[in-house]
Amino acid sequence: MRHNRAVNHLGRQSGHRKAMLANMASSLILKKRITTTEAKAKALKPYLEPLVTKSKEDTTHSRRVVFSYLKDKEATAELFRTIAPKVADRPGGYLRILHTGFRSGDAAEMVLVEFVDFNEAALASGKKEAKKTTRRSRAKKAEAAPAEEAPAAAEAPAAEAPAAE
């Protein structure tokens, strides 16, 4: 029976597991998205989200607490400088897990973990959808206009040639 076994040990001892989660969290903070297995992503989410919440309050104490988990100065600075201001109004749910398929070697479920407010593709696609409708209507007008101008342009050189002779 697995009563009160809430932590997924990920096949590692506690020191290795803590170091792995710290490294994954640092990589995610610095790169804004990483690809990993589903089990590791599910373990990373409750590890990193409280640190992001802690980073909203920029005090010496909160920086030291976050650094004690991440063990990386650059990642801590990036978290407090760029990520915390962007998620300041968000009450939680800073990470998104997107399933990407299965790994070819061992068929492990692979996922993409990213910060919700740092997904440029999703933000850009929302803007592109609005632009697509206007581009389509303009494209139809633009296609019709050159078709009318093309015969006139083709006739103009023929008219100039006899005049030059």
Protein backbone atom coordinates (compact mmCIF):
# COMPACT_ATOMS: atom_id res chain seq x y z
CA MET A 1 0.00 0.00 0.00
CA ARG A 2 1.17 3.51 -0.70
CA HIS A 3 -0.53 5.42 2.09
CA ASN A 4 0.86 8.94 2.57
CA ARG A 5 3.45 8.63 -0.22
CA ALA A 6 2.81 11.95 -1.93
CA VAL A 7 6.30 12.59 -3.36
CA ASN A 8 7.31 10.95 -6.62
CA HIS A 9 10.88 9.84 -5.92
CA LEU A 10 11.71 9.63 -9.64
CA GLY A 11 13.99 6.66 -9.04
CA ARG A 12 16.51 8.83 -7.17
CA GLN A 13 17.64 9.40 -3.63
CA SER A 14 16.70 12.68 -1.98
CA GLY A 15 19.96 14.53 -2.60
CA HIS A 16 20.03 13.61 -6.27
CA ARG A 17 16.34 14.48 -6.65
CA LYS A 18 16.76 17.92 -5.02
CA ALA A 19 19.80 18.71 -7.19
CA MET A 20 17.97 17.59 -10.33
CA LEU A 21 14.92 19.73 -9.54
CA ALA A 22 17.15 22.74 -8.75
CA ASN A 23 18.95 22.33 -12.07
CA MET A 24 15.71 21.91 -13.99
CA ALA A 25 14.21 24.97 -12.29
CA SER A 26 17.31 27.05 -13.09
CA SER A 27 17.23 25.94 -16.72
CA LEU A 28 13.55 26.76 -17.00
CA ILE A 29 14.04 30.20 -15.49
CA LEU A 30 16.95 31.04 -17.79
CA LYS A 31 15.53 29.53 -21.01
CA LYS A 32 11.79 30.09 -20.32
CA ARG A 33 10.91 26.60 -21.67
CA ILE A 34 12.40 23.12 -21.44
CA THR A 35 11.55 19.66 -22.73
CA THR A 36 11.48 16.85 -20.19
CA THR A 37 9.51 13.79 -19.18
CA GLU A 38 6.01 14.11 -17.79
CA ALA A 39 6.95 12.73 -14.35
CA LYS A 40 9.80 15.22 -13.95
CA ALA A 41 7.58 18.07 -15.14
CA LYS A 42 4.89 17.17 -12.62
CA ALA A 43 7.54 17.11 -9.87
CA LEU A 44 9.01 20.43 -11.06
CA LYS A 45 5.73 22.33 -10.98
CA PRO A 46 5.15 22.23 -7.18
CA TYR A 47 8.88 22.86 -6.67
CA LEU A 48 9.09 26.03 -8.78
CA GLU A 49 5.71 27.71 -8.41
CA PRO A 50 6.15 28.61 -4.71
CA LEU A 51 9.53 30.13 -5.62
CA VAL A 52 7.89 32.32 -8.25
CA THR A 53 5.30 33.40 -5.70
CA LYS A 54 8.10 34.16 -3.25
CA SER A 55 9.90 36.24 -5.91
CA LYS A 56 6.98 38.66 -6.20
CA GLU A 57 8.14 40.24 -2.94
CA ASP A 58 11.67 41.49 -3.64
CA THR A 59 13.31 41.43 -0.23
CA THR A 60 16.67 40.16 0.93
CA HIS A 61 15.00 37.33 2.82
CA SER A 62 12.96 36.15 -0.15
CA ARG A 63 16.06 36.29 -2.39
CA ARG A 64 17.99 34.17 0.09
CA VAL A 65 15.18 31.64 0.39
CA VAL A 66 14.89 31.31 -3.39
CA PHE A 67 18.68 31.04 -3.75
CA SER A 68 18.75 28.25 -1.16
CA TYR A 69 16.47 26.23 -3.46
CA LEU A 70 17.95 27.15 -6.85
CA LYS A 71 21.65 27.40 -5.92
CA ASP A 72 22.27 29.59 -8.99
CA LYS A 73 22.86 33.35 -8.85
CA GLU A 74 21.96 34.03 -12.48
CA ALA A 75 18.70 32.12 -12.25
CA THR A 76 17.77 33.88 -9.01
CA ALA A 77 18.51 37.30 -10.52
CA GLU A 78 16.53 36.45 -13.67
CA LEU A 79 13.58 35.26 -11.59
CA PHE A 80 13.43 38.47 -9.58
CA ARG A 81 14.24 40.84 -12.47
CA THR A 82 12.19 39.60 -15.41
CA ILE A 83 9.78 36.87 -14.38
CA ALA A 84 8.42 38.33 -11.14
CA PRO A 85 7.28 41.66 -12.67
CA LYS A 86 5.53 39.86 -15.52
CA VAL A 87 3.56 37.54 -13.23
CA ALA A 88 2.92 40.10 -10.49
CA ASP A 89 -0.84 40.22 -11.12
CA ARG A 90 -1.24 36.45 -11.63
CA PRO A 91 -2.45 34.60 -8.49
CA GLY A 92 -0.76 31.31 -9.42
CA GLY A 93 -0.42 28.80 -12.22
CA TYR A 94 2.79 30.20 -13.65
CA LEU A 95 3.81 27.06 -15.56
CA ARG A 96 2.19 25.28 -18.49
CA ILE A 97 2.80 21.63 -19.40
CA LEU A 98 2.22 20.72 -23.06
CA HIS A 99 2.42 17.10 -24.19
CA THR A 100 4.69 16.60 -27.20
CA GLY A 101 4.60 12.84 -27.72
CA PHE A 102 6.70 9.85 -26.79
CA ARG A 103 10.48 9.54 -26.68
CA SER A 104 11.71 7.08 -29.29
CA GLY A 105 14.21 5.28 -27.04
CA ASP A 106 12.01 4.20 -24.15
CA ALA A 107 8.57 5.57 -25.09
CA ALA A 108 8.56 7.96 -22.13
CA GLU A 109 5.89 10.67 -22.33
CA MET A 110 7.69 13.91 -23.24
CA VAL A 111 6.35 17.35 -22.39
CA LEU A 112 7.23 20.98 -22.92
CA VAL A 113 7.28 23.02 -19.69
CA GLU A 114 7.10 26.79 -20.09
CA PHE A 115 6.14 29.96 -18.27
CA VAL A 116 2.62 31.04 -19.18
CA ASP A 117 3.42 34.72 -19.75
CA PHE A 118 6.59 34.03 -21.76
CA ASN A 119 5.10 32.01 -24.63
CA GLU A 120 5.78 34.32 -27.58
CA ALA A 121 4.29 31.84 -30.06
CA ALA A 122 0.90 31.75 -28.34
CA LEU A 123 0.84 35.51 -27.88
CA ALA A 124 1.86 36.06 -31.50
CA SER A 125 -0.62 33.51 -32.85
CA GLY A 126 -3.44 35.33 -31.10
CA LYS A 127 -2.40 38.53 -32.84
CA LYS A 128 -1.89 36.78 -36.18
CA GLU A 129 -5.41 35.37 -36.14
CA ALA A 130 -6.82 38.88 -35.92
CA LYS A 131 -4.55 40.03 -38.76
CA LYS A 132 -5.39 37.07 -41.00
CA THR A 133 -8.93 38.28 -41.56
CA THR A 134 -7.80 41.75 -42.62
CA ARG A 135 -5.01 40.37 -44.80
CA ARG A 136 -7.39 38.07 -46.63
CA SER A 137 -9.74 40.88 -47.53
CA ARG A 138 -6.85 43.08 -48.65
CA ALA A 139 -5.28 40.22 -50.58
CA LYS A 140 -8.45 39.76 -52.62
CA LYS A 141 -8.50 43.47 -53.46
CA ALA A 142 -4.78 43.42 -54.27
CA GLU A 143 -5.20 40.41 -56.59
CA ALA A 144 -8.03 42.14 -58.45
CA ALA A 145 -6.14 45.43 -58.84
CA PRO A 146 -2.97 44.02 -60.52
CA ALA A 147 -5.16 41.98 -62.91
CA GLU A 148 -6.72 45.24 -64.15
CA GLU A 149 -3.37 47.05 -64.36
CA ALA A 150 -1.51 44.18 -66.08
CA PRO A 151 -3.24 44.54 -69.53
CA ALA A 152 -2.74 48.29 -69.44
CA ALA A 153 0.96 47.81 -68.63
CA ALA A 154 1.32 45.26 -71.45
CA GLU A 155 -0.25 47.66 -73.99
CA ALA A 156 1.90 50.63 -72.98
CA PRO A 157 5.25 49.28 -74.32
CA ALA A 158 3.58 48.27 -77.59
CA ALA A 159 2.23 51.82 -78.01
CA GLU A 160 5.66 53.33 -77.31
CA ALA A 161 7.50 51.10 -79.81
CA PRO A 162 5.74 52.41 -82.99
CA ALA A 163 6.12 55.99 -81.78
CA ALA A 164 9.89 55.55 -81.47
CA GLU A 165 10.18 54.24 -85.06
